[in-house]
Amino acid sequence: MDILKLIFYLMLATITAGLADYVYHRDRWRKWIRYFVAIVLFIIGLELLQAAGGVLFNELGVPLPSWLEWLRE
């Protein structure tokens, strides 16, 4: 079940990254609206990647690399 949650979070992060890129490069909307929507989608994608990392390191039991130990502090 945890591996499905990881796959789900990674798929959603990829989809939001693609949507952010699509919105950013679309010429149909005004520039400031495109930038705002792209930034919001990008932040949502980063949060989904963070959730996927939490599933990977906390729920699946993958050991955290030594160069990422500062994240736990």
PDB file of N, CA and C in Angstrom:
ATOM      1  N   MET A   1       0.815  -1.197   0.000  1.00  0.00           N
ATOM      2  CA  MET A   1       0.000   0.000   0.000  1.00  0.00           C
ATOM      3  C   MET A   1       0.862   1.266   0.000  1.00  0.00           C
ATOM      4  N   ASP A   2       1.984   1.220   0.725  1.00  0.00           N
ATOM      5  CA  ASP A   2       2.853   2.392   0.789  1.00  0.00           C
ATOM      6  C   ASP A   2       3.508   2.684  -0.551  1.00  0.00           C
ATOM      7  N   ILE A   3       3.812   1.633  -1.303  1.00  0.00           N
ATOM      8  CA  ILE A   3       4.436   1.850  -2.605  1.00  0.00           C
ATOM      9  C   ILE A   3       3.448   2.504  -3.564  1.00  0.00           C
ATOM     10  N   LEU A   4       2.160   2.195  -3.419  1.00  0.00           N
ATOM     11  CA  LEU A   4       1.149   2.848  -4.249  1.00  0.00           C
ATOM     12  C   LEU A   4       1.023   4.329  -3.900  1.00  0.00           C
ATOM     13  N   LYS A   5       1.152   4.633  -2.609  1.00  0.00           N
ATOM     14  CA  LYS A   5       1.118   6.029  -2.191  1.00  0.00           C
ATOM     15  C   LYS A   5       2.312   6.790  -2.756  1.00  0.00           C
ATOM     16  N   LEU A   6       3.486   6.156  -2.764  1.00  0.00           N
ATOM     17  CA  LEU A   6       4.679   6.779  -3.331  1.00  0.00           C
ATOM     18  C   LEU A   6       4.495   7.029  -4.827  1.00  0.00           C
ATOM     19  N   ILE A   7       3.999   6.040  -5.545  1.00  0.00           N
ATOM     20  CA  ILE A   7       3.771   6.194  -6.985  1.00  0.00           C
ATOM     21  C   ILE A   7       2.738   7.283  -7.249  1.00  0.00           C
ATOM     22  N   PHE A   8       1.695   7.326  -6.438  1.00  0.00           N
ATOM     23  CA  PHE A   8       0.655   8.343  -6.588  1.00  0.00           C
ATOM     24  C   PHE A   8       1.220   9.748  -6.399  1.00  0.00           C
ATOM     25  N   TYR A   9       2.018   9.951  -5.349  1.00  0.00           N
ATOM     26  CA  TYR A   9       2.616  11.265  -5.111  1.00  0.00           C
ATOM     27  C   TYR A   9       3.571  11.658  -6.238  1.00  0.00           C
ATOM     28  N   LEU A  10       4.362  10.717  -6.721  1.00  0.00           N
ATOM     29  CA  LEU A  10       5.290  11.035  -7.804  1.00  0.00           C
ATOM     30  C   LEU A  10       4.555  11.358  -9.099  1.00  0.00           C
ATOM     31  N   MET A  11       3.468  10.646  -9.373  1.00  0.00           N
ATOM     32  CA  MET A  11       2.678  10.947 -10.569  1.00  0.00           C
ATOM     33  C   MET A  11       2.037  12.329 -10.470  1.00  0.00           C
ATOM     34  N   LEU A  12       1.488  12.654  -9.317  1.00  0.00           N
ATOM     35  CA  LEU A  12       0.886  13.973  -9.145  1.00  0.00           C
ATOM     36  C   LEU A  12       1.927  15.084  -9.240  1.00  0.00           C
ATOM     37  N   ALA A  13       3.119  14.858  -8.699  1.00  0.00           N
ATOM     38  CA  ALA A  13       4.181  15.862  -8.796  1.00  0.00           C
ATOM     39  C   ALA A  13       4.589  16.072 -10.247  1.00  0.00           C
ATOM     40  N   THR A  14       4.675  15.002 -11.021  1.00  0.00           N
ATOM     41  CA  THR A  14       5.026  15.117 -12.434  1.00  0.00           C
ATOM     42  C   THR A  14       3.931  15.837 -13.213  1.00  0.00           C
ATOM     43  N   ILE A  15       2.691  15.529 -12.913  1.00  0.00           N
ATOM     44  CA  ILE A  15       1.577  16.188 -13.601  1.00  0.00           C
ATOM     45  C   ILE A  15       1.544  17.677 -13.285  1.00  0.00           C
ATOM     46  N   THR A  16       1.738  18.049 -12.023  1.00  0.00           N
ATOM     47  CA  THR A  16       1.722  19.474 -11.681  1.00  0.00           C
ATOM     48  C   THR A  16       2.917  20.205 -12.274  1.00  0.00           C
ATOM     49  N   ALA A  17       4.060  19.535 -12.396  1.00  0.00           N
ATOM     50  CA  ALA A  17       5.206  20.168 -13.053  1.00  0.00           C
ATOM     51  C   ALA A  17       4.905  20.402 -14.531  1.00  0.00           C
ATOM     52  N   GLY A  18       4.274  19.435 -15.175  1.00  0.00           N
ATOM     53  CA  GLY A  18       3.890  19.610 -16.574  1.00  0.00           C
ATOM     54  C   GLY A  18       2.859  20.707 -16.751  1.00  0.00           C
ATOM     55  N   LEU A  19       1.892  20.781 -15.845  1.00  0.00           N
ATOM     56  CA  LEU A  19       0.898  21.852 -15.918  1.00  0.00           C
ATOM     57  C   LEU A  19       1.526  23.225 -15.698  1.00  0.00           C
ATOM     58  N   ALA A  20       2.458  23.308 -14.760  1.00  0.00           N
ATOM     59  CA  ALA A  20       3.140  24.580 -14.517  1.00  0.00           C
ATOM     60  C   ALA A  20       3.912  25.019 -15.757  1.00  0.00           C
ATOM     61  N   ASP A  21       4.579  24.093 -16.412  1.00  0.00           N
ATOM     62  CA  ASP A  21       5.312  24.420 -17.632  1.00  0.00           C
ATOM     63  C   ASP A  21       4.357  24.837 -18.746  1.00  0.00           C
ATOM     64  N   TYR A  22       3.248  24.141 -18.876  1.00  0.00           N
ATOM     65  CA  TYR A  22       2.259  24.463 -19.903  1.00  0.00           C
ATOM     66  C   TYR A  22       1.665  25.850 -19.688  1.00  0.00           C
ATOM     67  N   VAL A  23       1.299  26.150 -18.436  1.00  0.00           N
ATOM     68  CA  VAL A  23       0.711  27.455 -18.128  1.00  0.00           C
ATOM     69  C   VAL A  23       1.737  28.564 -18.326  1.00  0.00           C
ATOM     70  N   TYR A  24       2.969  28.326 -17.935  1.00  0.00           N
ATOM     71  CA  TYR A  24       4.005  29.352 -18.041  1.00  0.00           C
ATOM     72  C   TYR A  24       4.276  29.730 -19.496  1.00  0.00           C
ATOM     73  N   HIS A  25       4.253  28.768 -20.392  1.00  0.00           N
ATOM     74  CA  HIS A  25       4.584  29.037 -21.791  1.00  0.00           C
ATOM     75  C   HIS A  25       3.370  29.337 -22.663  1.00  0.00           C
ATOM     76  N   ARG A  26       2.205  29.384 -22.079  1.00  0.00           N
ATOM     77  CA  ARG A  26       0.994  29.667 -22.848  1.00  0.00           C
ATOM     78  C   ARG A  26       0.852  31.173 -23.042  1.00  0.00           C
ATOM     79  N   ASP A  27       0.577  31.599 -24.265  1.00  0.00           N
ATOM     80  CA  ASP A  27       0.483  33.031 -24.567  1.00  0.00           C
ATOM     81  C   ASP A  27      -0.943  33.565 -24.510  1.00  0.00           C
ATOM     82  N   ARG A  28      -1.878  32.734 -24.180  1.00  0.00           N
ATOM     83  CA  ARG A  28      -3.270  33.144 -24.215  1.00  0.00           C
ATOM     84  C   ARG A  28      -3.644  34.036 -23.037  1.00  0.00           C
ATOM     85  N   TRP A  29      -3.065  33.807 -21.872  1.00  0.00           N
ATOM     86  CA  TRP A  29      -3.401  34.582 -20.686  1.00  0.00           C
ATOM     87  C   TRP A  29      -2.462  35.769 -20.542  1.00  0.00           C
ATOM     88  N   ARG A  30      -2.844  36.678 -19.669  1.00  0.00           N
ATOM     89  CA  ARG A  30      -1.944  37.790 -19.360  1.00  0.00           C
ATOM     90  C   ARG A  30      -0.735  37.272 -18.609  1.00  0.00           C
ATOM     91  N   LYS A  31       0.325  38.034 -18.691  1.00  0.00           N
ATOM     92  CA  LYS A  31       1.603  37.557 -18.166  1.00  0.00           C
ATOM     93  C   LYS A  31       1.578  37.346 -16.652  1.00  0.00           C
ATOM     94  N   TRP A  32       1.035  38.274 -15.894  1.00  0.00           N
ATOM     95  CA  TRP A  32       1.083  38.141 -14.434  1.00  0.00           C
ATOM     96  C   TRP A  32       0.197  37.009 -13.947  1.00  0.00           C
ATOM     97  N   ILE A  33      -0.902  36.724 -14.648  1.00  0.00           N
ATOM     98  CA  ILE A  33      -1.745  35.588 -14.267  1.00  0.00           C
ATOM     99  C   ILE A  33      -1.009  34.276 -14.524  1.00  0.00           C
ATOM    100  N   ARG A  34      -0.340  34.187 -15.672  1.00  0.00           N
ATOM    101  CA  ARG A  34       0.424  32.971 -15.993  1.00  0.00           C
ATOM    102  C   ARG A  34       1.498  32.719 -14.960  1.00  0.00           C
ATOM    103  N   TYR A  35       2.228  33.761 -14.598  1.00  0.00           N
ATOM    104  CA  TYR A  35       3.315  33.598 -13.633  1.00  0.00           C
ATOM    105  C   TYR A  35       2.777  33.160 -12.271  1.00  0.00           C
ATOM    106  N   PHE A  36       1.686  33.771 -11.834  1.00  0.00           N
ATOM    107  CA  PHE A  36       1.115  33.421 -10.537  1.00  0.00           C
ATOM    108  C   PHE A  36       0.642  31.970 -10.519  1.00  0.00           C
ATOM    109  N   VAL A  37      -0.093  31.553 -11.543  1.00  0.00           N
ATOM    110  CA  VAL A  37      -0.605  30.179 -11.598  1.00  0.00           C
ATOM    111  C   VAL A  37       0.547  29.188 -11.710  1.00  0.00           C
ATOM    112  N   ALA A  38       1.567  29.513 -12.498  1.00  0.00           N
ATOM    113  CA  ALA A  38       2.721  28.617 -12.636  1.00  0.00           C
ATOM    114  C   ALA A  38       3.464  28.475 -11.311  1.00  0.00           C
ATOM    115  N   ILE A  39       3.601  29.564 -10.567  1.00  0.00           N
ATOM    116  CA  ILE A  39       4.280  29.505  -9.266  1.00  0.00           C
ATOM    117  C   ILE A  39       3.478  28.660  -8.282  1.00  0.00           C
ATOM    118  N   VAL A  40       2.165  28.822  -8.270  1.00  0.00           N
ATOM    119  CA  VAL A  40       1.320  28.029  -7.368  1.00  0.00           C
ATOM    120  C   VAL A  40       1.428  26.543  -7.713  1.00  0.00           C
ATOM    121  N   LEU A  41       1.362  26.202  -8.995  1.00  0.00           N
ATOM    122  CA  LEU A  41       1.482  24.800  -9.403  1.00  0.00           C
ATOM    123  C   LEU A  41       2.865  24.241  -9.074  1.00  0.00           C
ATOM    124  N   PHE A  42       3.900  25.063  -9.239  1.00  0.00           N
ATOM    125  CA  PHE A  42       5.255  24.627  -8.919  1.00  0.00           C
ATOM    126  C   PHE A  42       5.396  24.329  -7.426  1.00  0.00           C
ATOM    127  N   ILE A  43       4.829  25.176  -6.588  1.00  0.00           N
ATOM    128  CA  ILE A  43       4.899  24.960  -5.141  1.00  0.00           C
ATOM    129  C   ILE A  43       4.120  23.710  -4.742  1.00  0.00           C
ATOM    130  N   ILE A  44       2.969  23.489  -5.357  1.00  0.00           N
ATOM    131  CA  ILE A  44       2.206  22.268  -5.083  1.00  0.00           C
ATOM    132  C   ILE A  44       3.016  21.043  -5.483  1.00  0.00           C
ATOM    133  N   GLY A  45       3.706  21.115  -6.631  1.00  0.00           N
ATOM    134  CA  GLY A  45       4.560  20.007  -7.064  1.00  0.00           C
ATOM    135  C   GLY A  45       5.694  19.740  -6.093  1.00  0.00           C
ATOM    136  N   LEU A  46       6.288  20.804  -5.555  1.00  0.00           N
ATOM    137  CA  LEU A  46       7.353  20.619  -4.565  1.00  0.00           C
ATOM    138  C   LEU A  46       6.825  19.970  -3.288  1.00  0.00           C
ATOM    139  N   GLU A  47       5.640  20.360  -2.862  1.00  0.00           N
ATOM    140  CA  GLU A  47       5.041  19.740  -1.677  1.00  0.00           C
ATOM    141  C   GLU A  47       4.754  18.261  -1.914  1.00  0.00           C
ATOM    142  N   LEU A  48       4.322  17.917  -3.123  1.00  0.00           N
ATOM    143  CA  LEU A  48       4.076  16.509  -3.441  1.00  0.00           C
ATOM    144  C   LEU A  48       5.375  15.711  -3.467  1.00  0.00           C
ATOM    145  N   LEU A  49       6.450  16.319  -3.964  1.00  0.00           N
ATOM    146  CA  LEU A  49       7.750  15.639  -3.927  1.00  0.00           C
ATOM    147  C   LEU A  49       8.227  15.443  -2.493  1.00  0.00           C
ATOM    148  N   GLN A  50       7.970  16.430  -1.644  1.00  0.00           N
ATOM    149  CA  GLN A  50       8.337  16.296  -0.237  1.00  0.00           C
ATOM    150  C   GLN A  50       7.531  15.174   0.420  1.00  0.00           C
ATOM    151  N   ALA A  51       6.259  15.067   0.076  1.00  0.00           N
ATOM    152  CA  ALA A  51       5.434  13.980   0.612  1.00  0.00           C
ATOM    153  C   ALA A  51       5.934  12.625   0.118  1.00  0.00           C
ATOM    154  N   ALA A  52       6.361  12.556  -1.143  1.00  0.00           N
ATOM    155  CA  ALA A  52       6.909  11.303  -1.673  1.00  0.00           C
ATOM    156  C   ALA A  52       8.198  10.935  -0.953  1.00  0.00           C
ATOM    157  N   GLY A  53       9.027  11.925  -0.647  1.00  0.00           N
ATOM    158  CA  GLY A  53      10.242  11.658   0.121  1.00  0.00           C
ATOM    159  C   GLY A  53       9.928  11.171   1.521  1.00  0.00           C
ATOM    160  N   GLY A  54       8.881  11.713   2.135  1.00  0.00           N
ATOM    161  CA  GLY A  54       8.465  11.235   3.450  1.00  0.00           C
ATOM    162  C   GLY A  54       8.000   9.794   3.417  1.00  0.00           C
ATOM    163  N   VAL A  55       7.274   9.427   2.370  1.00  0.00           N
ATOM    164  CA  VAL A  55       6.839   8.036   2.227  1.00  0.00           C
ATOM    165  C   VAL A  55       8.049   7.139   2.032  1.00  0.00           C
ATOM    166  N   LEU A  56       8.980   7.578   1.206  1.00  0.00           N
ATOM    167  CA  LEU A  56      10.150   6.761   0.888  1.00  0.00           C
ATOM    168  C   LEU A  56      11.015   6.515   2.120  1.00  0.00           C
ATOM    169  N   PHE A  57      11.314   7.565   2.871  1.00  0.00           N
ATOM    170  CA  PHE A  57      12.248   7.433   3.985  1.00  0.00           C
ATOM    171  C   PHE A  57      11.579   7.011   5.293  1.00  0.00           C
ATOM    172  N   ASN A  58      10.327   7.379   5.513  1.00  0.00           N
ATOM    173  CA  ASN A  58       9.673   7.059   6.786  1.00  0.00           C
ATOM    174  C   ASN A  58       8.873   5.763   6.732  1.00  0.00           C
ATOM    175  N   GLU A  59       8.023   5.624   5.734  1.00  0.00           N
ATOM    176  CA  GLU A  59       7.102   4.487   5.715  1.00  0.00           C
ATOM    177  C   GLU A  59       7.693   3.250   5.054  1.00  0.00           C
ATOM    178  N   LEU A  60       8.551   3.423   4.060  1.00  0.00           N
ATOM    179  CA  LEU A  60       9.138   2.267   3.380  1.00  0.00           C
ATOM    180  C   LEU A  60      10.445   1.810   4.016  1.00  0.00           C
ATOM    181  N   GLY A  61      10.998   2.597   4.920  1.00  0.00           N
ATOM    182  CA  GLY A  61      12.184   2.183   5.655  1.00  0.00           C
ATOM    183  C   GLY A  61      13.492   2.319   4.904  1.00  0.00           C
ATOM    184  N   VAL A  62      13.517   3.118   3.844  1.00  0.00           N
ATOM    185  CA  VAL A  62      14.770   3.351   3.125  1.00  0.00           C
ATOM    186  C   VAL A  62      15.650   4.237   4.000  1.00  0.00           C
ATOM    187  N   PRO A  63      16.906   3.856   4.230  1.00  0.00           N
ATOM    188  CA  PRO A  63      17.764   4.682   5.088  1.00  0.00           C
ATOM    189  C   PRO A  63      18.069   6.032   4.435  1.00  0.00           C
ATOM    190  N   LEU A  64      18.058   7.057   5.253  1.00  0.00           N
ATOM    191  CA  LEU A  64      18.328   8.408   4.786  1.00  0.00           C
ATOM    192  C   LEU A  64      19.824   8.565   4.538  1.00  0.00           C
ATOM    193  N   PRO A  65      20.232   9.074   3.373  1.00  0.00           N
ATOM    194  CA  PRO A  65      21.663   9.272   3.116  1.00  0.00           C
ATOM    195  C   PRO A  65      22.265  10.277   4.099  1.00  0.00           C
ATOM    196  N   SER A  66      23.553  10.152   4.338  1.00  0.00           N
ATOM    197  CA  SER A  66      24.209  11.006   5.330  1.00  0.00           C
ATOM    198  C   SER A  66      24.174  12.478   4.931  1.00  0.00           C
ATOM    199  N   TRP A  67      24.177  12.775   3.639  1.00  0.00           N
ATOM    200  CA  TRP A  67      24.173  14.173   3.215  1.00  0.00           C
ATOM    201  C   TRP A  67      22.789  14.810   3.331  1.00  0.00           C
ATOM    202  N   LEU A  68      21.765  14.022   3.706  1.00  0.00           N
ATOM    203  CA  LEU A  68      20.431  14.566   3.940  1.00  0.00           C
ATOM    204  C   LEU A  68      20.055  14.591   5.419  1.00  0.00           C
ATOM    205  N   GLU A  69      20.996  14.284   6.297  1.00  0.00           N
ATOM    206  CA  GLU A  69      20.705  14.248   7.732  1.00  0.00           C
ATOM    207  C   GLU A  69      20.290  15.615   8.273  1.00  0.00           C
ATOM    208  N   TRP A  70      20.735  16.687   7.648  1.00  0.00           N
ATOM    209  CA  TRP A  70      20.394  18.019   8.134  1.00  0.00           C
ATOM    210  C   TRP A  70      18.895  18.292   8.023  1.00  0.00           C
ATOM    211  N   LEU A  71      18.178  17.523   7.211  1.00  0.00           N
ATOM    212  CA  LEU A  71      16.737  17.729   7.081  1.00  0.00           C
ATOM    213  C   LEU A  71      15.977  17.307   8.329  1.00  0.00           C
ATOM    214  N   ARG A  72      16.522  16.397   9.089  1.00  0.00           N
ATOM    215  CA  ARG A  72      15.848  15.917  10.299  1.00  0.00           C
ATOM    216  C   ARG A  72      16.031  16.849  11.483  1.00  0.00           C
ATOM    217  N   GLU A  73      16.999  17.701  11.440  1.00  0.00           N
ATOM    218  CA  GLU A  73      17.288  18.584  12.581  1.00  0.00           C
ATOM    219  C   GLU A  73      16.291  19.702  12.709  1.00  0.00           C
TER     220      GLU A  73
END
